[in-house]
Amino acid sequence: MQIIAISALMALPAFVGYWIDLRLGTRVVFTLIGSGLGIALGAWQLAQLVRVLNRKNSSNGDDAA
């Protein structure tokens, strides 16, 4: 379920940027800004998810080496 939320977080700013481009008659300026923002937010959220999962694994003693 979290992967779907991260995917939406990445895609939504690009769609909003596209909508703004259509409304203002600009080319792809806001679409690119929205895409960059979405990628940054998605990467940040994915890094937080990995951090939480790593904490859970290390607290369970799953440090099999």
N, C-alpha and C. Protein backbone atom coordinates (compact mmCIF):
# COMPACT_ATOMS: atom_id res chain seq x y z
N MET A 1 0.81 -1.19 0.00
CA MET A 1 0.00 0.00 0.00
C MET A 1 0.87 1.27 0.00
N GLN A 2 1.99 1.20 0.68
CA GLN A 2 2.87 2.37 0.73
C GLN A 2 3.50 2.65 -0.62
N ILE A 3 3.74 1.61 -1.40
CA ILE A 3 4.32 1.81 -2.73
C ILE A 3 3.34 2.57 -3.62
N ILE A 4 2.06 2.29 -3.48
CA ILE A 4 1.04 3.01 -4.26
C ILE A 4 1.03 4.49 -3.85
N ALA A 5 1.13 4.75 -2.56
CA ALA A 5 1.16 6.13 -2.08
C ALA A 5 2.40 6.86 -2.59
N ILE A 6 3.54 6.18 -2.60
CA ILE A 6 4.77 6.80 -3.10
C ILE A 6 4.64 7.07 -4.60
N SER A 7 4.05 6.14 -5.34
CA SER A 7 3.86 6.34 -6.78
C SER A 7 2.95 7.53 -7.05
N ALA A 8 1.87 7.64 -6.27
CA ALA A 8 0.97 8.78 -6.44
C ALA A 8 1.67 10.08 -6.09
N LEU A 9 2.50 10.04 -5.05
CA LEU A 9 3.25 11.22 -4.64
C LEU A 9 4.21 11.67 -5.74
N MET A 10 4.71 10.72 -6.51
CA MET A 10 5.62 11.07 -7.59
C MET A 10 4.86 11.58 -8.82
N ALA A 11 3.69 11.02 -9.08
CA ALA A 11 2.97 11.36 -10.31
C ALA A 11 2.11 12.61 -10.18
N LEU A 12 1.54 12.84 -9.02
CA LEU A 12 0.60 13.94 -8.85
C LEU A 12 1.19 15.32 -9.17
N PRO A 13 2.40 15.65 -8.70
CA PRO A 13 2.94 16.97 -9.06
C PRO A 13 3.15 17.16 -10.57
N ALA A 14 3.49 16.08 -11.27
CA ALA A 14 3.66 16.19 -12.72
C ALA A 14 2.33 16.48 -13.40
N PHE A 15 1.26 15.81 -12.94
CA PHE A 15 -0.07 16.06 -13.51
C PHE A 15 -0.56 17.47 -13.20
N VAL A 16 -0.28 17.94 -12.00
CA VAL A 16 -0.66 19.32 -11.65
C VAL A 16 0.12 20.30 -12.51
N GLY A 17 1.40 20.04 -12.71
CA GLY A 17 2.21 20.88 -13.57
C GLY A 17 1.70 20.90 -15.00
N TYR A 18 1.28 19.74 -15.48
CA TYR A 18 0.71 19.65 -16.83
C TYR A 18 -0.57 20.47 -16.93
N TRP A 19 -1.41 20.38 -15.89
CA TRP A 19 -2.66 21.13 -15.87
C TRP A 19 -2.37 22.64 -15.87
N ILE A 20 -1.38 23.05 -15.09
CA ILE A 20 -1.01 24.48 -15.05
C ILE A 20 -0.49 24.92 -16.41
N ASP A 21 0.31 24.07 -17.05
CA ASP A 21 0.79 24.40 -18.40
C ASP A 21 -0.36 24.58 -19.38
N LEU A 22 -1.36 23.73 -19.28
CA LEU A 22 -2.52 23.87 -20.17
C LEU A 22 -3.28 25.16 -19.90
N ARG A 23 -3.46 25.50 -18.63
CA ARG A 23 -4.21 26.69 -18.26
C ARG A 23 -3.49 27.98 -18.66
N LEU A 24 -2.16 27.99 -18.50
CA LEU A 24 -1.39 29.20 -18.78
C LEU A 24 -0.88 29.27 -20.21
N GLY A 25 -0.98 28.17 -20.94
CA GLY A 25 -0.50 28.15 -22.31
C GLY A 25 1.01 28.04 -22.43
N THR A 26 1.66 27.66 -21.34
CA THR A 26 3.11 27.46 -21.40
C THR A 26 3.40 26.09 -21.98
N ARG A 27 4.63 25.86 -22.36
CA ARG A 27 4.94 24.57 -22.97
C ARG A 27 5.05 23.48 -21.91
N VAL A 28 6.21 23.19 -21.44
CA VAL A 28 6.37 22.11 -20.46
C VAL A 28 7.08 22.58 -19.20
N VAL A 29 7.04 23.86 -18.95
CA VAL A 29 7.77 24.42 -17.82
C VAL A 29 7.29 23.83 -16.50
N PHE A 30 5.99 23.93 -16.24
CA PHE A 30 5.46 23.45 -14.97
C PHE A 30 5.40 21.93 -14.90
N THR A 31 5.28 21.29 -16.05
CA THR A 31 5.33 19.83 -16.07
C THR A 31 6.70 19.35 -15.62
N LEU A 32 7.75 20.00 -16.09
CA LEU A 32 9.11 19.62 -15.68
C LEU A 32 9.35 19.94 -14.21
N ILE A 33 8.87 21.08 -13.76
CA ILE A 33 9.01 21.43 -12.35
C ILE A 33 8.27 20.42 -11.48
N GLY A 34 7.04 20.10 -11.88
CA GLY A 34 6.25 19.12 -11.14
C GLY A 34 6.88 17.74 -11.15
N SER A 35 7.45 17.35 -12.28
CA SER A 35 8.11 16.05 -12.37
C SER A 35 9.32 15.99 -11.45
N GLY A 36 10.12 17.05 -11.46
CA GLY A 36 11.28 17.09 -10.58
C GLY A 36 10.89 17.06 -9.12
N LEU A 37 9.86 17.81 -8.78
CA LEU A 37 9.37 17.82 -7.41
C LEU A 37 8.83 16.45 -7.02
N GLY A 38 8.09 15.82 -7.91
CA GLY A 38 7.55 14.49 -7.63
C GLY A 38 8.63 13.44 -7.44
N ILE A 39 9.66 13.49 -8.27
CA ILE A 39 10.77 12.54 -8.13
C ILE A 39 11.49 12.76 -6.81
N ALA A 40 11.72 14.02 -6.45
CA ALA A 40 12.40 14.32 -5.18
C ALA A 40 11.56 13.86 -3.99
N LEU A 41 10.26 14.15 -4.01
CA LEU A 41 9.40 13.72 -2.91
C LEU A 41 9.29 12.21 -2.83
N GLY A 42 9.19 11.56 -3.98
CA GLY A 42 9.12 10.10 -4.00
C GLY A 42 10.39 9.45 -3.49
N ALA A 43 11.52 9.98 -3.87
CA ALA A 43 12.80 9.43 -3.40
C ALA A 43 12.95 9.64 -1.90
N TRP A 44 12.54 10.81 -1.40
CA TRP A 44 12.61 11.08 0.04
C TRP A 44 11.71 10.12 0.81
N GLN A 45 10.48 9.92 0.31
CA GLN A 45 9.55 9.02 0.98
C GLN A 45 10.03 7.58 0.92
N LEU A 46 10.61 7.17 -0.19
CA LEU A 46 11.15 5.82 -0.31
C LEU A 46 12.33 5.61 0.63
N ALA A 47 13.17 6.62 0.78
CA ALA A 47 14.30 6.53 1.72
C ALA A 47 13.80 6.40 3.15
N GLN A 48 12.73 7.11 3.49
CA GLN A 48 12.17 6.98 4.83
C GLN A 48 11.58 5.59 5.06
N LEU A 49 10.93 5.04 4.06
CA LEU A 49 10.38 3.70 4.16
C LEU A 49 11.48 2.67 4.39
N VAL A 50 12.57 2.79 3.64
CA VAL A 50 13.69 1.87 3.81
C VAL A 50 14.30 2.02 5.20
N ARG A 51 14.41 3.24 5.68
CA ARG A 51 14.96 3.49 7.01
C ARG A 51 14.11 2.81 8.09
N VAL A 52 12.78 2.93 7.97
CA VAL A 52 11.88 2.30 8.94
C VAL A 52 12.00 0.79 8.87
N LEU A 53 12.05 0.23 7.67
CA LEU A 53 12.16 -1.22 7.53
C LEU A 53 13.49 -1.73 8.07
N ASN A 54 14.56 -0.96 7.88
CA ASN A 54 15.86 -1.35 8.43
C ASN A 54 15.84 -1.35 9.96
N ARG A 55 15.17 -0.36 10.55
CA ARG A 55 15.06 -0.32 12.01
C ARG A 55 14.29 -1.52 12.54
N LYS A 56 13.21 -1.89 11.84
CA LYS A 56 12.42 -3.05 12.26
C LYS A 56 13.25 -4.32 12.18
N ASN A 57 14.00 -4.48 11.10
CA ASN A 57 14.82 -5.69 10.94
C ASN A 57 15.94 -5.75 11.97
N SER A 58 16.55 -4.62 12.28
CA SER A 58 17.65 -4.64 13.23
C SER A 58 17.14 -4.83 14.66
N SER A 59 15.93 -4.36 14.96
CA SER A 59 15.40 -4.55 16.31
C SER A 59 14.90 -5.98 16.52
N ASN A 60 14.60 -6.69 15.44
CA ASN A 60 14.16 -8.08 15.54
C ASN A 60 15.34 -9.04 15.64
N GLY A 61 16.53 -8.56 15.50
CA GLY A 61 17.71 -9.41 15.57
C GLY A 61 17.95 -10.19 14.29
N ASP A 62 17.52 -9.65 13.17
CA ASP A 62 17.71 -10.32 11.89
C ASP A 62 19.04 -9.92 11.24
N ASP A 63 20.08 -9.85 12.02
CA ASP A 63 21.40 -9.47 11.49
C ASP A 63 22.18 -10.70 11.10
N ALA A 64 21.63 -11.51 10.23
CA ALA A 64 22.32 -12.73 9.80
C ALA A 64 23.46 -12.35 8.86
N ALA A 65 24.64 -12.67 9.27
CA ALA A 65 25.81 -12.31 8.46
C ALA A 65 26.44 -13.50 7.86
